[in-house]
Amino acid sequence: MNPANLPFDSEAMLEGLRHWVECESPTWDAGAVNRMLDIAARDMAIMGATIERIAGRQGFGGVIRARFPHPKQGEPGILIAGHMDTVHPVGTIEKLKWRREGNKCYGPGIYDMKGGNYLSLEAIRQLARASFATPLPITVLFTPDEEVGTPSTRDIIEAEAARNKYVLVPEPGRADNGVTTGRYAIARFNLEAMGRPSHAGATLSAGRSAIREMARQILAIDAMTSEDCTFSVGVVHGGQWVNCVATTATGEALSMAKRQADLDRGVERMLALSGTANDVTFKVTRGVTRPVWEPDAGTMALYEKARGIAEQLGMTLPHASSGGGSDGNFTGAMGIPTLDGLGVRGGNGHTLEEFIEVDSLVERGRLMAGLLATLA
């Protein structure tokens, strides 16, 4: 089966993808994420999949597991793992409207990662229409919380991956049309400063500002960044009344490293910031962590299969390890052959200029179809 002969149609794919993109699904809005999962479940049910809904927890949306008909159903096969949550709050669609400009199409979450999820389903759909039976059964798992580190569904992802031979992750492709064969380790931290209140006008000097301490620590955390391990603070909240010296301030920090040992040292440095000085207490607690995923022989053999398919399609397919975590961190670290970055090309993810390259829908759809058709 030559995937180049499958009649993928970018315009038809855009029409279907638009419904997904315009159903906004920010991580912290469980109802919105579940509405997006409902749409995907309906699309896959029409395709003939058996749909299982798994209830959410910890305040997040649920999970959809879809199994497509296959004579070997229940045996180890291929898992396509994607997330349906985005970083864009409901209402972003008014600022980042769906629009097409030449080979670019814009919309919240279109690049990260609804475009990749949609082309994966189109690949399955095209193979079914061609009456092509894949060598292995296919399972699709769509989750609700990847953008905040996958705190509620890591166990589901790892359990499902363990039941399969391969994991394909349609996160955004690399700018050079490459795929991802490894990912850096990532740790998240919760920060809290606790000071002493006073009236900011009448008795300012009696207070101890939690905001001031948080600001001081933010500069210290940023200064810890090196070639081996990066540190950044991305969320800060503090104070309640401008005429009160702030008693509390909270924040969230992120650390990333190419090697697990470097991240482990970074974690130690972050936790060591905890302490009390000048009547202000600063506390660092560790949040969710993604392990480093370093490519092994199984992942590289999977990549070589993909590279051969890409050559058949007239494309080069470079590979590299990537910063920025994904659920591929978990499955790759488990030693299960994993190929990430199989989604659309595009750019400006997590911004109000997020876009995809339209021609990548068909190109990457054919690549995905080729993998599904040949992996055994």
Protein backbone atom coordinates (compact mmCIF):
# COMPACT_ATOMS: atom_id res chain seq x y z
CA MET A 1 0.00 0.00 0.00
CA ASN A 2 1.47 3.34 -1.08
CA PRO A 3 0.16 6.13 1.18
CA ALA A 4 0.81 8.61 -1.62
CA ASN A 5 -2.18 7.12 -3.42
CA LEU A 6 -4.63 7.77 -0.60
CA PRO A 7 -6.98 10.65 -1.51
CA PHE A 8 -6.29 12.99 1.40
CA ASP A 9 -7.95 16.38 0.83
CA SER A 10 -6.62 19.35 2.80
CA GLU A 11 -9.78 21.40 2.29
CA ALA A 12 -11.99 18.63 3.64
CA MET A 13 -9.60 18.15 6.55
CA LEU A 14 -9.72 21.86 7.36
CA GLU A 15 -13.50 21.78 7.36
CA GLY A 16 -13.52 19.01 9.95
CA LEU A 17 -10.68 20.51 11.96
CA ARG A 18 -12.48 23.84 12.21
CA HIS A 19 -15.20 22.29 14.40
CA TRP A 20 -12.49 21.05 16.75
CA VAL A 21 -10.63 24.35 16.94
CA GLU A 22 -13.75 26.43 17.50
CA CYS A 23 -14.71 24.15 20.41
CA GLU A 24 -12.35 25.82 22.85
CA SER A 25 -10.93 23.50 25.49
CA PRO A 26 -8.59 25.11 28.06
CA THR A 27 -7.20 22.64 30.57
CA TRP A 28 -8.76 24.19 33.67
CA ASP A 29 -12.28 24.21 32.19
CA ALA A 30 -13.27 20.55 32.52
CA GLY A 31 -16.66 21.12 30.92
CA ALA A 32 -15.09 22.72 27.85
CA VAL A 33 -12.53 19.91 27.49
CA ASN A 34 -15.30 17.32 27.80
CA ARG A 35 -17.27 19.06 25.04
CA MET A 36 -14.21 18.74 22.79
CA LEU A 37 -13.84 15.08 23.74
CA ASP A 38 -17.52 14.57 22.88
CA ILE A 39 -16.90 15.85 19.36
CA ALA A 40 -13.89 13.59 18.88
CA ALA A 41 -15.78 10.62 20.31
CA ARG A 42 -18.64 11.20 17.89
CA ASP A 43 -16.25 11.42 14.93
CA MET A 44 -14.56 8.17 15.92
CA ALA A 45 -17.86 6.40 16.58
CA ILE A 46 -18.90 7.25 13.03
CA MET A 47 -15.63 5.69 11.91
CA GLY A 48 -16.63 2.45 13.64
CA ALA A 49 -14.56 2.69 16.81
CA THR A 50 -15.69 1.37 20.16
CA ILE A 51 -15.62 4.35 22.52
CA GLU A 52 -14.89 4.20 26.24
CA ARG A 53 -15.29 7.25 28.46
CA ILE A 54 -13.14 7.40 31.57
CA ALA A 55 -14.22 9.94 34.17
CA GLY A 56 -11.89 12.79 35.03
CA ARG A 57 -10.41 13.45 38.43
CA GLN A 58 -8.64 16.26 40.30
CA GLY A 59 -10.97 18.72 38.63
CA PHE A 60 -9.88 17.89 35.08
CA GLY A 61 -11.90 16.60 32.14
CA GLY A 62 -12.20 12.93 31.25
CA VAL A 63 -10.44 10.60 28.87
CA ILE A 64 -11.58 8.95 25.64
CA ARG A 65 -10.22 5.58 24.62
CA ALA A 66 -11.22 4.43 21.13
CA ARG A 67 -10.48 0.98 19.78
CA PHE A 68 -10.90 0.41 16.07
CA PRO A 69 -12.21 -2.90 14.68
CA HIS A 70 -9.46 -5.43 14.03
CA PRO A 71 -9.12 -9.24 13.96
CA LYS A 72 -6.35 -9.00 16.57
CA GLN A 73 -8.29 -6.67 18.86
CA GLY A 74 -6.96 -7.04 22.39
CA GLU A 75 -3.43 -7.94 21.31
CA PRO A 76 -0.54 -5.45 21.53
CA GLY A 77 -0.78 -2.92 18.72
CA ILE A 78 -0.37 0.79 18.07
CA LEU A 79 -1.37 3.51 20.52
CA ILE A 80 -1.95 7.02 19.19
CA ALA A 81 -1.74 9.34 22.21
CA GLY A 82 -2.86 12.96 22.08
CA HIS A 83 -4.21 15.67 24.35
CA MET A 84 -7.29 17.79 23.70
CA ASP A 85 -6.62 20.53 26.23
CA THR A 86 -5.11 23.86 25.20
CA VAL A 87 -3.59 26.84 27.00
CA HIS A 88 -6.13 29.29 25.51
CA PRO A 89 -9.00 30.47 27.78
CA VAL A 90 -12.56 30.31 26.50
CA GLY A 91 -13.12 33.47 24.46
CA THR A 92 -9.72 33.37 22.75
CA ILE A 93 -11.52 32.46 19.54
CA GLU A 94 -12.64 36.10 19.37
CA LYS A 95 -9.01 37.29 19.41
CA LEU A 96 -7.52 34.40 17.45
CA LYS A 97 -10.31 33.77 14.98
CA TRP A 98 -10.22 30.86 12.59
CA ARG A 99 -8.74 32.29 9.43
CA ARG A 100 -6.92 31.09 6.34
CA GLU A 101 -4.10 33.10 4.81
CA GLY A 102 -2.52 31.22 1.94
CA ASN A 103 -0.78 28.16 3.34
CA LYS A 104 -1.39 29.25 6.94
CA CYS A 105 -4.48 28.60 9.01
CA TYR A 106 -4.91 30.16 12.45
CA GLY A 107 -6.87 29.24 15.57
CA PRO A 108 -6.45 28.44 19.28
CA GLY A 109 -4.96 24.98 19.72
CA ILE A 110 -4.82 24.28 15.98
CA TYR A 111 -1.06 23.66 16.18
CA ASP A 112 -0.82 22.28 19.71
CA MET A 113 -2.26 19.80 19.10
CA LYS A 114 -5.69 19.51 17.52
CA GLY A 115 -4.26 19.53 14.01
CA GLY A 116 -2.11 16.48 14.74
CA ASN A 117 -4.94 14.66 16.46
CA TYR A 118 -7.26 15.31 13.55
CA LEU A 119 -4.85 14.16 10.85
CA SER A 120 -4.30 10.94 12.82
CA LEU A 121 -8.00 10.15 12.62
CA GLU A 122 -8.02 11.07 8.94
CA ALA A 123 -5.19 8.57 8.37
CA ILE A 124 -7.28 5.82 9.98
CA ARG A 125 -10.31 6.93 7.98
CA GLN A 126 -8.41 6.86 4.67
CA LEU A 127 -7.05 3.36 5.30
CA ALA A 128 -10.55 2.11 6.14
CA ARG A 129 -12.01 3.66 2.99
CA ALA A 130 -9.31 1.91 0.99
CA SER A 131 -10.32 -1.37 2.68
CA PHE A 132 -6.76 -1.75 3.92
CA ALA A 133 -6.37 -3.90 7.01
CA THR A 134 -3.52 -2.71 9.21
CA PRO A 135 -1.20 -5.44 10.56
CA LEU A 136 -1.82 -4.29 14.14
CA PRO A 137 -4.90 -3.05 16.01
CA ILE A 138 -5.12 0.70 16.66
CA THR A 139 -6.11 2.43 19.87
CA VAL A 140 -6.54 6.19 20.20
CA LEU A 141 -6.27 7.84 23.62
CA PHE A 142 -7.26 11.49 24.01
CA THR A 143 -6.50 13.12 27.37
CA PRO A 144 -7.42 16.42 29.11
CA ASP A 145 -4.42 17.72 31.05
CA GLU A 146 -1.11 17.57 29.17
CA GLU A 147 -0.63 21.34 29.23
CA VAL A 148 -0.28 21.29 33.02
CA GLY A 149 2.00 18.24 33.19
CA THR A 150 -0.55 15.40 32.92
CA PRO A 151 -1.18 15.13 36.67
CA SER A 152 -4.47 13.21 36.40
CA THR A 153 -3.89 10.85 33.47
CA ARG A 154 -0.26 9.74 33.53
CA ASP A 155 -1.28 6.38 35.00
CA ILE A 156 -3.83 5.80 32.22
CA ILE A 157 -1.32 6.71 29.51
CA GLU A 158 1.37 4.44 30.93
CA ALA A 159 -1.05 1.55 31.43
CA GLU A 160 -2.37 1.82 27.88
CA ALA A 161 1.13 2.17 26.44
CA ALA A 162 2.21 -1.00 28.25
CA ARG A 163 -0.51 -2.91 26.38
CA ASN A 164 0.88 -1.87 22.99
CA LYS A 165 3.97 -2.39 20.84
CA TYR A 166 4.31 1.19 19.59
CA VAL A 167 3.27 4.69 20.64
CA LEU A 168 2.72 7.45 18.08
CA VAL A 169 2.35 11.01 19.40
CA PRO A 170 1.01 13.61 16.93
CA GLU A 171 2.37 16.62 18.80
CA PRO A 172 3.51 19.41 16.44
CA GLY A 173 6.23 18.51 13.97
CA ARG A 174 9.55 20.31 13.93
CA ALA A 175 10.13 23.32 11.70
CA ASP A 176 12.51 21.31 9.49
CA ASN A 177 9.77 18.71 8.91
CA GLY A 178 11.45 16.60 11.56
CA VAL A 179 10.06 14.32 14.22
CA THR A 180 10.94 13.95 17.89
CA THR A 181 12.82 10.90 19.17
CA GLY A 182 13.49 12.11 22.70
CA ARG A 183 12.47 14.83 25.13
CA TYR A 184 14.10 16.70 27.96
CA ALA A 185 13.22 16.15 31.60
CA ILE A 186 10.87 18.70 33.16
CA ALA A 187 9.97 19.50 36.76
CA ARG A 188 7.33 21.90 38.06
CA PHE A 189 7.40 23.64 41.43
CA ASN A 190 4.91 25.45 43.61
CA LEU A 191 6.20 28.56 45.37
CA GLU A 192 4.78 30.26 48.45
CA ALA A 193 5.96 33.31 50.39
CA MET A 194 4.41 34.10 53.79
CA GLY A 195 5.05 37.50 55.34
CA ARG A 196 3.54 39.67 58.05
CA PRO A 197 0.67 42.07 57.38
CA SER A 198 0.43 45.71 58.31
CA HIS A 199 -1.32 48.87 57.09
CA ALA A 200 0.64 50.03 54.07
CA GLY A 201 -0.05 53.67 54.85
CA ALA A 202 0.03 53.99 58.63
CA THR A 203 2.45 51.23 59.69
CA LEU A 204 4.36 50.18 56.58
CA SER A 205 7.59 49.35 58.38
CA ALA A 206 5.82 46.91 60.70
CA GLY A 207 4.93 44.64 57.81
CA ARG A 208 6.98 42.05 55.95
CA SER A 209 5.93 41.82 52.32
CA ALA A 210 5.44 38.38 50.79
CA ILE A 211 5.39 40.02 47.37
CA ARG A 212 8.82 41.55 47.90
CA GLU A 213 10.21 38.17 48.94
CA MET A 214 8.60 36.47 45.95
CA ALA A 215 10.13 39.07 43.62
CA ARG A 216 13.56 38.53 45.18
CA GLN A 217 13.28 34.77 44.79
CA ILE A 218 12.10 35.06 41.17
CA LEU A 219 15.32 36.88 40.29
CA ALA A 220 17.34 34.25 42.16
CA ILE A 221 15.54 31.41 40.35
CA ASP A 222 16.05 32.98 36.92
CA ALA A 223 19.75 33.46 37.71
CA MET A 224 20.13 29.71 38.31
CA THR A 225 19.66 28.99 34.58
CA SER A 226 22.68 27.39 32.90
CA GLU A 227 23.52 25.42 29.77
CA ASP A 228 22.61 22.23 31.60
CA CYS A 229 19.37 23.23 33.31
CA THR A 230 16.92 26.10 32.82
CA PHE A 231 14.66 27.74 35.42
CA SER A 232 11.73 30.07 34.95
CA VAL A 233 8.77 31.40 36.91
CA GLY A 234 5.61 31.57 34.83
CA VAL A 235 2.79 32.19 37.31
CA VAL A 236 2.64 34.67 40.20
CA HIS A 237 -0.20 35.76 42.49
CA GLY A 238 0.10 38.02 45.50
CA GLY A 239 -1.71 40.36 47.81
CA GLN A 240 -5.36 41.30 48.14
CA TRP A 241 -5.52 44.98 49.12
CA VAL A 242 -3.18 47.70 47.89
CA ASN A 243 -3.29 49.36 51.32
CA CYS A 244 -2.13 46.19 53.08
CA VAL A 245 1.38 44.77 53.16
CA ALA A 246 0.93 41.43 51.42
CA THR A 247 0.83 38.42 53.73
CA THR A 248 1.03 35.77 51.03
CA ALA A 249 2.27 35.37 47.47
CA THR A 250 2.27 32.22 45.39
CA GLY A 251 3.88 31.18 42.14
CA GLU A 252 4.77 28.32 39.84
CA ALA A 253 8.18 27.56 38.38
CA LEU A 254 9.48 25.22 35.69
CA SER A 255 12.87 23.58 35.26
CA MET A 256 14.09 21.68 32.21
CA ALA A 257 17.24 19.68 31.47
CA LYS A 258 18.50 17.40 28.71
CA ARG A 259 19.80 14.87 31.22
CA GLN A 260 17.99 13.43 34.20
CA ALA A 261 20.99 13.93 36.50
CA ASP A 262 21.06 17.64 35.68
CA LEU A 263 17.35 17.96 36.44
CA ASP A 264 17.80 16.07 39.71
CA ARG A 265 20.45 18.59 40.74
CA GLY A 266 18.16 21.40 39.68
CA VAL A 267 15.39 20.00 41.84
CA GLU A 268 17.75 19.95 44.83
CA ARG A 269 18.69 23.59 44.23
CA MET A 270 15.06 24.64 44.00
CA LEU A 271 14.04 22.84 47.17
CA ALA A 272 17.02 24.36 48.98
CA LEU A 273 15.50 27.83 48.49
CA SER A 274 12.98 27.06 51.22
CA GLY A 275 13.61 28.86 54.48
CA THR A 276 12.79 31.82 56.72
CA ALA A 277 14.58 35.17 56.84
CA ASN A 278 13.56 38.59 58.16
CA ASP A 279 10.22 37.19 59.37
CA VAL A 280 9.29 35.97 55.87
CA THR A 281 9.03 32.28 55.03
CA PHE A 282 9.61 31.00 51.49
CA LYS A 283 8.51 27.46 50.66
CA VAL A 284 9.19 25.42 47.52
CA THR A 285 7.34 22.16 46.92
CA ARG A 286 7.81 19.86 43.97
CA GLY A 287 4.97 19.46 41.49
CA VAL A 288 4.52 17.06 38.58
CA THR A 289 7.63 15.83 36.76
CA ARG A 290 8.25 14.44 33.29
CA PRO A 291 11.19 12.01 33.12
CA VAL A 292 13.87 12.43 30.49
CA TRP A 293 13.21 10.34 27.39
CA GLU A 294 16.38 9.26 25.64
CA PRO A 295 15.98 7.33 22.38
CA ASP A 296 16.78 3.62 22.54
CA ALA A 297 17.10 0.99 19.82
CA GLY A 298 13.36 0.42 19.65
CA THR A 299 12.55 4.10 19.14
CA MET A 300 15.29 4.50 16.54
CA ALA A 301 14.03 1.45 14.62
CA LEU A 302 10.57 3.04 14.64
CA TYR A 303 12.07 6.29 13.40
CA GLU A 304 13.89 4.49 10.57
CA LYS A 305 10.57 2.98 9.51
CA ALA A 306 9.06 6.47 9.42
CA ARG A 307 12.04 7.88 7.54
CA GLY A 308 11.67 5.22 4.87
CA ILE A 309 7.98 6.04 4.45
CA ALA A 310 8.81 9.75 4.21
CA GLU A 311 11.37 9.04 1.48
CA GLN A 312 8.71 7.07 -0.39
CA LEU A 313 6.56 10.21 -0.16
CA GLY A 314 9.39 12.40 -1.43
CA MET A 315 10.18 14.01 1.93
CA THR A 316 13.17 14.10 4.21
CA LEU A 317 12.45 13.35 7.86
CA PRO A 318 15.19 14.47 10.27
CA HIS A 319 14.91 13.73 13.96
CA ALA A 320 16.08 15.20 17.25
CA SER A 321 15.37 15.37 20.95
CA SER A 322 13.17 18.31 21.88
CA GLY A 323 12.60 20.66 24.75
CA GLY A 324 9.05 21.08 25.94
CA GLY A 325 7.45 18.03 27.43
CA SER A 326 4.82 15.73 26.03
CA ASP A 327 3.20 12.49 27.06
CA GLY A 328 5.87 10.84 24.93
CA ASN A 329 8.21 11.49 27.87
CA PHE A 330 6.35 8.85 29.84
CA THR A 331 6.05 6.16 27.16
CA GLY A 332 9.57 6.69 25.84
CA ALA A 333 11.01 6.52 29.36
CA MET A 334 9.15 3.20 29.81
CA GLY A 335 11.21 1.76 26.94
CA ILE A 336 8.25 1.44 24.58
CA PRO A 337 9.17 2.44 21.01
CA THR A 338 7.76 5.95 20.73
CA LEU A 339 7.76 8.47 17.90
CA ASP A 340 6.69 12.01 18.75
CA GLY A 341 6.26 15.18 16.73
CA LEU A 342 4.19 13.42 14.07
CA GLY A 343 1.67 16.26 13.91
CA VAL A 344 1.37 19.36 11.78
CA ARG A 345 4.04 21.88 10.95
CA GLY A 346 3.32 25.43 11.99
CA GLY A 347 4.33 27.84 14.69
CA ASN A 348 3.62 30.37 17.43
CA GLY A 349 2.15 27.75 19.75
CA HIS A 350 0.66 29.07 23.00
CA THR A 351 0.27 32.57 21.49
CA LEU A 352 -2.44 34.61 19.78
CA GLU A 353 -0.76 33.94 16.42
CA GLU A 354 -0.85 30.12 16.56
CA PHE A 355 -1.01 28.62 13.07
CA ILE A 356 -0.46 25.51 10.99
CA GLU A 357 0.93 25.05 7.51
CA VAL A 358 -2.05 23.71 5.60
CA ASP A 359 -0.05 21.47 3.27
CA SER A 360 1.32 19.60 6.30
CA LEU A 361 -2.14 18.16 7.02
CA VAL A 362 -1.94 15.93 3.95
CA GLU A 363 1.82 15.32 4.13
CA ARG A 364 1.74 14.27 7.78
CA GLY A 365 -1.56 12.44 7.30
CA ARG A 366 0.09 10.26 4.65
CA LEU A 367 3.09 9.67 6.89
CA MET A 368 0.81 8.55 9.72
CA ALA A 369 -1.15 6.32 7.36
CA GLY A 370 2.07 4.76 6.14
CA LEU A 371 3.13 3.95 9.67
CA LEU A 372 -0.24 2.46 10.59
CA ALA A 373 -0.18 0.38 7.41
CA THR A 374 3.30 -1.09 7.88
CA LEU A 375 4.08 -1.40 11.59
CA ALA A 376 3.91 -5.05 12.63
